[in-house]
Amino acid sequence: MRKERRGHQSTVLLAAMAVVFTLALVIYPKVGYEAGMQGLRVCWEIIIPSLLPFLSSRSCFWAWAWFAVSGSSSNR
């Protein structure tokens, strides 16, 4: 019974937080827009470039694997 009550309380808390954040975006749309643009800028300037070496090495691996498989099947 106690765990069920805790789950209900956390659900109500999360719903209240969602309502507060929604109201804040409705009341202050410019601040929300600027924060979103700043987050996208951080993603574009920091996160994406830091992932590029991993993404390019992954694509090179799959290209190599594809050529290795297709090359071995054409030798038959």
Protein backbone atom coordinates (compact mmCIF):
# COMPACT_ATOMS: atom_id res chain seq x y z
CA MET A 1 0.00 0.00 0.00
CA ARG A 2 2.86 2.37 0.83
CA LYS A 3 4.63 1.84 -2.53
CA GLU A 4 1.37 2.47 -4.34
CA ARG A 5 0.97 5.76 -2.47
CA ARG A 6 4.55 6.78 -3.30
CA GLY A 7 3.91 6.06 -6.97
CA HIS A 8 0.77 8.19 -6.88
CA GLN A 9 2.63 11.05 -5.21
CA SER A 10 5.41 11.00 -7.77
CA THR A 11 2.86 10.98 -10.59
CA VAL A 12 1.09 13.99 -9.12
CA LEU A 13 4.43 15.76 -8.61
CA LEU A 14 5.51 15.14 -12.22
CA ALA A 15 2.14 16.34 -13.52
CA ALA A 16 2.37 19.51 -11.41
CA MET A 17 5.89 20.18 -12.70
CA ALA A 18 4.70 19.73 -16.30
CA VAL A 19 1.89 22.22 -15.70
CA VAL A 20 4.27 24.74 -14.13
CA PHE A 21 6.75 24.45 -17.01
CA THR A 22 3.95 24.80 -19.56
CA LEU A 23 2.58 27.87 -17.83
CA ALA A 24 6.08 29.37 -17.67
CA LEU A 25 6.47 28.91 -21.43
CA VAL A 26 3.06 30.45 -22.07
CA ILE A 27 3.71 33.41 -19.78
CA TYR A 28 7.33 34.00 -20.87
CA PRO A 29 7.57 32.78 -24.49
CA LYS A 30 10.59 34.93 -25.40
CA VAL A 31 12.70 33.48 -22.60
CA GLY A 32 11.65 29.95 -23.58
CA TYR A 33 12.48 30.60 -27.23
CA GLU A 34 15.90 32.04 -26.38
CA ALA A 35 16.67 29.11 -24.10
CA GLY A 36 15.69 26.66 -26.82
CA MET A 37 17.86 28.45 -29.37
CA GLN A 38 20.78 28.44 -26.94
CA GLY A 39 20.33 24.71 -26.39
CA LEU A 40 20.31 24.07 -30.14
CA ARG A 41 23.42 26.23 -30.54
CA VAL A 42 25.23 24.23 -27.84
CA CYS A 43 24.17 21.01 -29.54
CA TRP A 44 25.35 22.19 -32.95
CA GLU A 45 28.64 23.74 -31.80
CA ILE A 46 29.74 21.30 -29.08
CA ILE A 47 27.89 17.99 -29.05
CA ILE A 48 27.71 17.22 -32.79
CA PRO A 49 31.39 18.04 -33.47
CA SER A 50 32.49 15.94 -30.54
CA LEU A 51 30.55 12.95 -31.92
CA LEU A 52 31.84 13.26 -35.49
CA PRO A 53 34.99 11.12 -35.00
CA PHE A 54 32.90 8.29 -33.61
CA LEU A 55 30.24 8.57 -36.30
CA SER A 56 32.77 8.72 -39.15
CA SER A 57 34.72 5.71 -37.85
CA ARG A 58 31.46 3.79 -37.53
CA SER A 59 30.45 4.59 -41.11
CA CYS A 60 33.93 3.62 -42.35
CA PHE A 61 33.62 0.31 -40.55
CA TRP A 62 30.23 -0.44 -42.10
CA ALA A 63 31.48 0.55 -45.56
CA TRP A 64 34.47 -1.77 -45.12
CA ALA A 65 32.22 -4.58 -43.89
CA TRP A 66 29.84 -4.12 -46.81
CA PHE A 67 32.65 -4.18 -49.37
CA ALA A 68 34.22 -7.19 -47.68
CA VAL A 69 30.95 -9.14 -47.79
CA SER A 70 29.98 -8.08 -51.30
CA GLY A 71 33.51 -8.67 -52.59
CA SER A 72 33.66 -12.18 -51.20
CA SER A 73 30.28 -13.10 -52.68
CA SER A 74 31.25 -11.87 -56.18
CA ASN A 75 34.28 -14.21 -56.29
CA ARG A 76 32.08 -17.30 -56.57
